[in-house]
Amino acid sequence: MPPIAAPVVKADSFIAPPCEGQIRILYQDSDILLIDKPSGLLSLSGKNPRNLDSVHYRLVQDFPGATLVHRLDFGTSGIMLVALNKAVNGLLTKQFQARTVQKYYTALLHGHLAEDSGLIELPIAKDSDHFPLQKICHSSGKAALTHYQVLERLTVPFATRVKFTPISGRTHQLRIHSQQLGHSILGCDLYGGVGASASAQVSANMVKGGDGEAVSHQRLMLHATGLAFIHPITGSPMAWVCECPF
């Protein structure tokens, strides 16, 4: 009987370019941090030593006990919750597992959505043939639910600003659900469309940020805007908003 071949593990060849953006602390006490993560920064350091720079790597320089309770994609900016000790991490993790933590995001989608609001309910699974992509799979995918609400329809660029409220928290959920709507997130290099990147689909190169500064579509136009949870030690409700830069 021939030996059984070992499964092929596909390595991630991605090397993050240097990130000049800085982490901004929104709130700090002895137990937690709320931070504003810049786009273009990994949440955790990668296995490749060239991917050492990350949110966690930077934070532990000043907060040695810091651990991440959740992550944001490399290209996503916005609010993140950080535990400053192991016990607090465990308490916050239970809130995420119970889905009592409320999150919402702001995104710019290519084109104009027909409906003002709606629910996207499509199961998501790993795409083992196209790592690191995810795919919609009704047979093996995990349930994924996203609520969206149109905030604004723009002419230049031809795009729709939306508020996303993910009910579940699957990898790349907002990106792939946007693709399935037929309106990919601007700047999305993974789910810009079937066989095409978002950069090939958008007609404008720049949009204006909230402070009037130009923001390039080269970044993913997805921002974690709001986060609400119960403080793990005091028991007080916490609700924070991190203004969208685009």
C-alpha atoms as a PDB file:
ATOM      1  CA  MET A   1       0.000   0.000   0.000  1.00  0.00           C
ATOM      2  CA  PRO A   2       1.594   3.303  -1.059  1.00  0.00           C
ATOM      3  CA  PRO A   3       2.213   5.850   1.693  1.00  0.00           C
ATOM      4  CA  ILE A   4      -0.409   8.530   2.178  1.00  0.00           C
ATOM      5  CA  ALA A   5       0.855  11.858   0.928  1.00  0.00           C
ATOM      6  CA  ALA A   6       1.049  14.606   3.487  1.00  0.00           C
ATOM      7  CA  PRO A   7      -1.358  17.514   2.877  1.00  0.00           C
ATOM      8  CA  VAL A   8       0.137  20.425   1.028  1.00  0.00           C
ATOM      9  CA  VAL A   9       0.250  23.542   3.158  1.00  0.00           C
ATOM     10  CA  LYS A  10       0.174  26.657   1.029  1.00  0.00           C
ATOM     11  CA  ALA A  11       2.412  29.388   2.376  1.00  0.00           C
ATOM     12  CA  ASP A  12       1.360  32.999   2.359  1.00  0.00           C
ATOM     13  CA  SER A  13       3.937  34.813   0.236  1.00  0.00           C
ATOM     14  CA  PHE A  14       2.566  38.245   1.105  1.00  0.00           C
ATOM     15  CA  ILE A  15       5.157  40.753   2.304  1.00  0.00           C
ATOM     16  CA  ALA A  16       3.653  43.856   3.865  1.00  0.00           C
ATOM     17  CA  PRO A  17       5.117  47.135   2.634  1.00  0.00           C
ATOM     18  CA  PRO A  18       6.360  49.526   5.335  1.00  0.00           C
ATOM     19  CA  CYS A  19       3.503  51.238   7.162  1.00  0.00           C
ATOM     20  CA  GLU A  20       4.106  54.887   8.003  1.00  0.00           C
ATOM     21  CA  GLY A  21       0.731  55.234   9.702  1.00  0.00           C
ATOM     22  CA  GLN A  22       0.692  55.438  13.479  1.00  0.00           C
ATOM     23  CA  ILE A  23      -1.549  53.751  16.028  1.00  0.00           C
ATOM     24  CA  ARG A  24      -3.730  56.281  17.822  1.00  0.00           C
ATOM     25  CA  ILE A  25      -4.931  55.537  21.359  1.00  0.00           C
ATOM     26  CA  LEU A  26      -8.610  56.435  21.760  1.00  0.00           C
ATOM     27  CA  TYR A  27      -9.058  55.227  25.351  1.00  0.00           C
ATOM     28  CA  GLN A  28      -6.782  53.769  28.000  1.00  0.00           C
ATOM     29  CA  ASP A  29      -7.130  52.446  31.527  1.00  0.00           C
ATOM     30  CA  SER A  30      -5.321  49.776  33.534  1.00  0.00           C
ATOM     31  CA  ASP A  31      -7.204  46.926  31.825  1.00  0.00           C
ATOM     32  CA  ILE A  32      -7.928  47.825  28.194  1.00  0.00           C
ATOM     33  CA  LEU A  33      -6.980  50.007  25.271  1.00  0.00           C
ATOM     34  CA  LEU A  34      -9.132  51.220  22.421  1.00  0.00           C
ATOM     35  CA  ILE A  35      -6.979  52.107  19.434  1.00  0.00           C
ATOM     36  CA  ASP A  36      -7.316  53.428  15.906  1.00  0.00           C
ATOM     37  CA  LYS A  37      -5.393  51.079  13.598  1.00  0.00           C
ATOM     38  CA  PRO A  38      -4.000  52.577  10.382  1.00  0.00           C
ATOM     39  CA  SER A  39      -4.670  50.927   7.038  1.00  0.00           C
ATOM     40  CA  GLY A  40      -1.679  48.937   5.809  1.00  0.00           C
ATOM     41  CA  LEU A  41      -0.647  47.499   9.182  1.00  0.00           C
ATOM     42  CA  LEU A  42      -0.938  43.835  10.147  1.00  0.00           C
ATOM     43  CA  SER A  43      -2.840  43.069  13.343  1.00  0.00           C
ATOM     44  CA  LEU A  44      -0.355  40.338  14.297  1.00  0.00           C
ATOM     45  CA  SER A  45       3.198  39.766  13.070  1.00  0.00           C
ATOM     46  CA  GLY A  46       3.519  37.190  10.295  1.00  0.00           C
ATOM     47  CA  LYS A  47       5.737  34.107  10.233  1.00  0.00           C
ATOM     48  CA  ASN A  48       7.991  35.769   7.689  1.00  0.00           C
ATOM     49  CA  PRO A  49      10.475  37.973   9.611  1.00  0.00           C
ATOM     50  CA  ARG A  50       9.838  40.714   7.045  1.00  0.00           C
ATOM     51  CA  ASN A  51       6.275  40.897   8.416  1.00  0.00           C
ATOM     52  CA  LEU A  52       7.356  41.675  11.969  1.00  0.00           C
ATOM     53  CA  ASP A  53       5.715  45.102  12.143  1.00  0.00           C
ATOM     54  CA  SER A  54       2.148  44.836  13.416  1.00  0.00           C
ATOM     55  CA  VAL A  55      -0.337  46.323  15.858  1.00  0.00           C
ATOM     56  CA  HIS A  56       0.683  43.785  18.501  1.00  0.00           C
ATOM     57  CA  TYR A  57       4.421  44.260  17.916  1.00  0.00           C
ATOM     58  CA  ARG A  58       4.141  48.021  18.302  1.00  0.00           C
ATOM     59  CA  LEU A  59       1.890  47.914  21.357  1.00  0.00           C
ATOM     60  CA  VAL A  60       3.994  45.500  23.415  1.00  0.00           C
ATOM     61  CA  GLN A  61       6.889  47.942  23.271  1.00  0.00           C
ATOM     62  CA  ASP A  62       4.924  50.188  25.652  1.00  0.00           C
ATOM     63  CA  PHE A  63       2.367  47.704  27.027  1.00  0.00           C
ATOM     64  CA  PRO A  64       4.190  44.365  27.561  1.00  0.00           C
ATOM     65  CA  GLY A  65       1.020  42.519  28.585  1.00  0.00           C
ATOM     66  CA  ALA A  66      -1.065  43.667  25.614  1.00  0.00           C
ATOM     67  CA  THR A  67      -2.975  40.984  23.691  1.00  0.00           C
ATOM     68  CA  LEU A  68      -5.426  41.369  20.831  1.00  0.00           C
ATOM     69  CA  VAL A  69      -8.998  40.279  21.471  1.00  0.00           C
ATOM     70  CA  HIS A  70      -9.895  40.502  17.773  1.00  0.00           C
ATOM     71  CA  ARG A  71      -8.234  41.472  14.499  1.00  0.00           C
ATOM     72  CA  LEU A  72      -8.738  43.748  11.541  1.00  0.00           C
ATOM     73  CA  ASP A  73      -7.575  42.902   8.038  1.00  0.00           C
ATOM     74  CA  PHE A  74      -4.291  44.414   6.872  1.00  0.00           C
ATOM     75  CA  GLY A  75      -6.050  47.021   4.725  1.00  0.00           C
ATOM     76  CA  THR A  76      -8.840  47.851   7.171  1.00  0.00           C
ATOM     77  CA  SER A  77      -8.433  50.847   9.453  1.00  0.00           C
ATOM     78  CA  GLY A  78     -10.289  51.751  12.596  1.00  0.00           C
ATOM     79  CA  ILE A  79     -11.177  50.801  16.122  1.00  0.00           C
ATOM     80  CA  MET A  80      -9.694  47.792  17.901  1.00  0.00           C
ATOM     81  CA  LEU A  81     -10.070  46.542  21.479  1.00  0.00           C
ATOM     82  CA  VAL A  82      -6.890  45.451  23.271  1.00  0.00           C
ATOM     83  CA  ALA A  83      -6.608  43.601  26.595  1.00  0.00           C
ATOM     84  CA  LEU A  84      -3.739  44.579  28.876  1.00  0.00           C
ATOM     85  CA  ASN A  85      -3.550  41.273  30.742  1.00  0.00           C
ATOM     86  CA  LYS A  86      -4.471  37.637  30.247  1.00  0.00           C
ATOM     87  CA  ALA A  87      -7.461  37.654  32.604  1.00  0.00           C
ATOM     88  CA  VAL A  88      -9.065  40.601  30.826  1.00  0.00           C
ATOM     89  CA  ASN A  89      -8.437  38.941  27.475  1.00  0.00           C
ATOM     90  CA  GLY A  90     -10.403  35.897  28.650  1.00  0.00           C
ATOM     91  CA  LEU A  91     -13.329  38.001  29.833  1.00  0.00           C
ATOM     92  CA  LEU A  92     -13.501  39.990  26.603  1.00  0.00           C
ATOM     93  CA  THR A  93     -13.156  36.863  24.477  1.00  0.00           C
ATOM     94  CA  LYS A  94     -16.285  35.490  26.137  1.00  0.00           C
ATOM     95  CA  GLN A  95     -18.191  38.614  25.048  1.00  0.00           C
ATOM     96  CA  PHE A  96     -17.062  38.152  21.447  1.00  0.00           C
ATOM     97  CA  GLN A  97     -17.965  34.465  21.533  1.00  0.00           C
ATOM     98  CA  ALA A  98     -21.412  35.303  22.908  1.00  0.00           C
ATOM     99  CA  ARG A  99     -21.821  37.921  20.138  1.00  0.00           C
ATOM    100  CA  THR A 100     -22.702  40.616  22.638  1.00  0.00           C
ATOM    101  CA  VAL A 101     -20.031  42.948  21.243  1.00  0.00           C
ATOM    102  CA  GLN A 102     -21.553  45.307  18.684  1.00  0.00           C
ATOM    103  CA  LYS A 103     -19.453  46.477  15.730  1.00  0.00           C
ATOM    104  CA  TYR A 104     -20.124  48.544  12.669  1.00  0.00           C
ATOM    105  CA  TYR A 105     -18.024  49.622   9.720  1.00  0.00           C
ATOM    106  CA  THR A 106     -18.045  52.310   7.043  1.00  0.00           C
ATOM    107  CA  ALA A 107     -17.176  51.370   3.465  1.00  0.00           C
ATOM    108  CA  LEU A 108     -17.182  52.793  -0.029  1.00  0.00           C
ATOM    109  CA  LEU A 109     -18.620  50.354  -2.566  1.00  0.00           C
ATOM    110  CA  HIS A 110     -18.195  50.561  -6.321  1.00  0.00           C
ATOM    111  CA  GLY A 111     -21.335  51.774  -8.085  1.00  0.00           C
ATOM    112  CA  HIS A 112     -24.774  52.584  -6.693  1.00  0.00           C
ATOM    113  CA  LEU A 113     -26.712  50.053  -4.649  1.00  0.00           C
ATOM    114  CA  ALA A 114     -30.333  49.686  -5.697  1.00  0.00           C
ATOM    115  CA  GLU A 115     -31.703  49.162  -2.196  1.00  0.00           C
ATOM    116  CA  ASP A 116     -31.262  51.520   0.759  1.00  0.00           C
ATOM    117  CA  SER A 117     -30.755  48.669   3.210  1.00  0.00           C
ATOM    118  CA  GLY A 118     -30.747  44.915   3.361  1.00  0.00           C
ATOM    119  CA  LEU A 119     -29.363  41.670   4.754  1.00  0.00           C
ATOM    120  CA  ILE A 120     -26.729  39.499   3.122  1.00  0.00           C
ATOM    121  CA  GLU A 121     -26.933  35.905   4.319  1.00  0.00           C
ATOM    122  CA  LEU A 122     -24.368  33.762   2.530  1.00  0.00           C
ATOM    123  CA  PRO A 123     -22.192  31.037   4.119  1.00  0.00           C
ATOM    124  CA  ILE A 124     -18.424  31.438   3.905  1.00  0.00           C
ATOM    125  CA  ALA A 125     -15.709  28.771   3.670  1.00  0.00           C
ATOM    126  CA  LYS A 126     -11.970  28.721   3.039  1.00  0.00           C
ATOM    127  CA  ASP A 127     -11.023  28.504  -0.625  1.00  0.00           C
ATOM    128  CA  SER A 128      -8.248  25.911  -0.320  1.00  0.00           C
ATOM    129  CA  ASP A 129      -7.363  26.210  -4.012  1.00  0.00           C
ATOM    130  CA  HIS A 130      -6.891  29.969  -3.836  1.00  0.00           C
ATOM    131  CA  PHE A 131      -5.298  30.771  -0.467  1.00  0.00           C
ATOM    132  CA  PRO A 132      -5.879  33.179   1.291  1.00  0.00           C
ATOM    133  CA  LEU A 133      -9.276  33.716  -0.349  1.00  0.00           C
ATOM    134  CA  GLN A 134     -12.595  32.724   1.125  1.00  0.00           C
ATOM    135  CA  LYS A 135     -15.581  31.605  -0.932  1.00  0.00           C
ATOM    136  CA  ILE A 136     -19.332  31.296  -0.729  1.00  0.00           C
ATOM    137  CA  CYS A 137     -20.161  27.632  -0.128  1.00  0.00           C
ATOM    138  CA  HIS A 138     -23.638  26.415   0.759  1.00  0.00           C
ATOM    139  CA  SER A 139     -22.473  22.872   1.533  1.00  0.00           C
ATOM    140  CA  SER A 140     -19.516  23.453   3.870  1.00  0.00           C
ATOM    141  CA  GLY A 141     -19.522  27.173   4.617  1.00  0.00           C
ATOM    142  CA  LYS A 142     -20.197  28.684   8.027  1.00  0.00           C
ATOM    143  CA  ALA A 143     -23.258  30.881   8.427  1.00  0.00           C
ATOM    144  CA  ALA A 144     -22.507  34.560   7.798  1.00  0.00           C
ATOM    145  CA  LEU A 145     -24.917  37.472   8.079  1.00  0.00           C
ATOM    146  CA  THR A 146     -24.300  41.140   7.284  1.00  0.00           C
ATOM    147  CA  HIS A 147     -26.700  44.068   7.526  1.00  0.00           C
ATOM    148  CA  TYR A 148     -26.043  47.076   5.304  1.00  0.00           C
ATOM    149  CA  GLN A 149     -27.481  50.572   5.181  1.00  0.00           C
ATOM    150  CA  VAL A 150     -26.795  53.146   2.487  1.00  0.00           C
ATOM    151  CA  LEU A 151     -25.466  56.410   3.906  1.00  0.00           C
ATOM    152  CA  GLU A 152     -24.757  58.274   0.688  1.00  0.00           C
ATOM    153  CA  ARG A 153     -24.612  57.743  -3.073  1.00  0.00           C
ATOM    154  CA  LEU A 154     -21.690  59.575  -4.640  1.00  0.00           C
ATOM    155  CA  THR A 155     -21.186  60.762  -8.202  1.00  0.00           C
ATOM    156  CA  VAL A 156     -17.417  61.283  -8.023  1.00  0.00           C
ATOM    157  CA  PRO A 157     -16.270  58.661  -7.440  1.00  0.00           C
ATOM    158  CA  PHE A 158     -19.193  56.558  -8.680  1.00  0.00           C
ATOM    159  CA  ALA A 159     -19.680  54.832  -5.361  1.00  0.00           C
ATOM    160  CA  THR A 160     -21.973  54.216  -2.405  1.00  0.00           C
ATOM    161  CA  ARG A 161     -21.050  54.915   1.201  1.00  0.00           C
ATOM    162  CA  VAL A 162     -22.534  52.226   3.418  1.00  0.00           C
ATOM    163  CA  LYS A 163     -22.723  51.262   7.064  1.00  0.00           C
ATOM    164  CA  PHE A 164     -22.029  47.566   7.581  1.00  0.00           C
ATOM    165  CA  THR A 165     -23.140  45.749  10.731  1.00  0.00           C
ATOM    166  CA  PRO A 166     -21.781  42.197  10.712  1.00  0.00           C
ATOM    167  CA  ILE A 167     -23.888  39.820  12.785  1.00  0.00           C
ATOM    168  CA  SER A 168     -21.264  37.096  12.445  1.00  0.00           C
ATOM    169  CA  GLY A 169     -17.499  37.542  12.224  1.00  0.00           C
ATOM    170  CA  ARG A 170     -16.119  35.397   9.400  1.00  0.00           C
ATOM    171  CA  THR A 171     -12.781  36.055   7.732  1.00  0.00           C
ATOM    172  CA  HIS A 172     -13.174  38.586   4.884  1.00  0.00           C
ATOM    173  CA  GLN A 173     -16.937  38.613   5.514  1.00  0.00           C
ATOM    174  CA  LEU A 174     -17.632  42.211   4.508  1.00  0.00           C
ATOM    175  CA  ARG A 175     -15.355  42.010   1.496  1.00  0.00           C
ATOM    176  CA  ILE A 176     -16.842  38.854   0.019  1.00  0.00           C
ATOM    177  CA  HIS A 177     -20.426  39.804   0.882  1.00  0.00           C
ATOM    178  CA  SER A 178     -19.898  43.122  -0.918  1.00  0.00           C
ATOM    179  CA  GLN A 179     -18.616  41.243  -3.947  1.00  0.00           C
ATOM    180  CA  GLN A 180     -21.708  39.050  -3.921  1.00  0.00           C
ATOM    181  CA  LEU A 181     -23.866  42.179  -3.934  1.00  0.00           C
ATOM    182  CA  GLY A 182     -22.143  43.120  -7.178  1.00  0.00           C
ATOM    183  CA  HIS A 183     -20.581  46.174  -5.514  1.00  0.00           C
ATOM    184  CA  SER A 184     -17.072  45.415  -4.284  1.00  0.00           C
ATOM    185  CA  ILE A 185     -15.343  47.594  -1.704  1.00  0.00           C
ATOM    186  CA  LEU A 186     -13.131  50.164  -3.408  1.00  0.00           C
ATOM    187  CA  GLY A 187      -9.457  49.247  -3.222  1.00  0.00           C
ATOM    188  CA  CYS A 188     -10.146  45.561  -2.506  1.00  0.00           C
ATOM    189  CA  ASP A 189      -7.357  43.543  -4.112  1.00  0.00           C
ATOM    190  CA  LEU A 190      -8.880  40.165  -3.208  1.00  0.00           C
ATOM    191  CA  TYR A 191     -12.556  40.504  -4.041  1.00  0.00           C
ATOM    192  CA  GLY A 192     -12.630  43.341  -6.541  1.00  0.00           C
ATOM    193  CA  GLY A 193     -14.729  41.280  -8.886  1.00  0.00           C
ATOM    194  CA  VAL A 194     -14.664  38.001 -10.745  1.00  0.00           C
ATOM    195  CA  GLY A 195     -11.318  37.919 -12.487  1.00  0.00           C
ATOM    196  CA  ALA A 196     -10.605  41.625 -11.948  1.00  0.00           C
ATOM    197  CA  SER A 197      -9.241  43.797  -9.180  1.00  0.00           C
ATOM    198  CA  ALA A 198     -11.092  46.754  -7.760  1.00  0.00           C
ATOM    199  CA  SER A 199      -8.440  49.081  -9.131  1.00  0.00           C
ATOM    200  CA  ALA A 200      -9.485  48.067 -12.641  1.00  0.00           C
ATOM    201  CA  GLN A 201     -13.142  48.766 -11.871  1.00  0.00           C
ATOM    202  CA  VAL A 202     -13.110  52.161 -10.197  1.00  0.00           C
ATOM    203  CA  SER A 203     -13.004  55.232 -12.374  1.00  0.00           C
ATOM    204  CA  ALA A 204     -11.693  57.725  -9.823  1.00  0.00           C
ATOM    205  CA  ASN A 205      -8.303  57.620  -8.148  1.00  0.00           C
ATOM    206  CA  MET A 206      -8.944  59.762  -5.107  1.00  0.00           C
ATOM    207  CA  VAL A 207     -11.665  60.686  -2.632  1.00  0.00           C
ATOM    208  CA  LYS A 208     -11.598  63.323   0.059  1.00  0.00           C
ATOM    209  CA  GLY A 209     -11.198  62.304   3.652  1.00  0.00           C
ATOM    210  CA  GLY A 210     -13.063  63.858   6.552  1.00  0.00           C
ATOM    211  CA  ASP A 211     -10.271  66.390   7.041  1.00  0.00           C
ATOM    212  CA  GLY A 212     -10.109  67.251   3.340  1.00  0.00           C
ATOM    213  CA  GLU A 213      -7.006  65.153   2.773  1.00  0.00           C
ATOM    214  CA  ALA A 214      -6.955  63.010  -0.355  1.00  0.00           C
ATOM    215  CA  VAL A 215      -7.256  59.278   0.287  1.00  0.00           C
ATOM    216  CA  SER A 216      -6.062  56.891  -2.417  1.00  0.00           C
ATOM    217  CA  HIS A 217      -8.114  53.931  -3.611  1.00  0.00           C
ATOM    218  CA  GLN A 218      -4.882  51.983  -3.247  1.00  0.00           C
ATOM    219  CA  ARG A 219      -6.026  51.396   0.317  1.00  0.00           C
ATOM    220  CA  LEU A 220      -9.030  49.278   1.163  1.00  0.00           C
ATOM    221  CA  MET A 221     -11.938  51.651   1.709  1.00  0.00           C
ATOM    222  CA  LEU A 222     -13.174  49.874   4.815  1.00  0.00           C
ATOM    223  CA  HIS A 223     -13.054  51.383   8.298  1.00  0.00           C
ATOM    224  CA  ALA A 224     -14.097  49.952  11.671  1.00  0.00           C
ATOM    225  CA  THR A 225     -16.124  52.879  12.953  1.00  0.00           C
ATOM    226  CA  GLY A 226     -17.979  51.796  16.072  1.00  0.00           C
ATOM    227  CA  LEU A 227     -17.557  49.305  18.904  1.00  0.00           C
ATOM    228  CA  ALA A 228     -19.768  48.670  21.940  1.00  0.00           C
ATOM    229  CA  PHE A 229     -19.123  46.210  24.757  1.00  0.00           C
ATOM    230  CA  ILE A 230     -19.208  45.823  28.546  1.00  0.00           C
ATOM    231  CA  HIS A 231     -16.063  46.811  30.404  1.00  0.00           C
ATOM    232  CA  PRO A 232     -14.710  43.484  31.708  1.00  0.00           C
ATOM    233  CA  ILE A 233     -13.799  44.837  35.165  1.00  0.00           C
ATOM    234  CA  THR A 234     -16.168  47.700  35.958  1.00  0.00           C
ATOM    235  CA  GLY A 235     -19.203  46.250  34.188  1.00  0.00           C
ATOM    236  CA  SER A 236     -19.939  49.633  32.623  1.00  0.00           C
ATOM    237  CA  PRO A 237     -21.268  49.820  29.038  1.00  0.00           C
ATOM    238  CA  MET A 238     -18.611  51.149  26.659  1.00  0.00           C
ATOM    239  CA  ALA A 239     -19.475  52.619  23.233  1.00  0.00           C
ATOM    240  CA  TRP A 240     -16.820  54.307  21.116  1.00  0.00           C
ATOM    241  CA  VAL A 241     -16.750  55.829  17.657  1.00  0.00           C
ATOM    242  CA  CYS A 242     -13.634  56.195  15.531  1.00  0.00           C
ATOM    243  CA  GLU A 243     -14.367  58.676  12.754  1.00  0.00           C
ATOM    244  CA  CYS A 244     -13.954  57.425   9.202  1.00  0.00           C
ATOM    245  CA  PRO A 245     -11.017  59.044   7.337  1.00  0.00           C
ATOM    246  CA  PHE A 246     -12.685  58.853   3.903  1.00  0.00           C
END
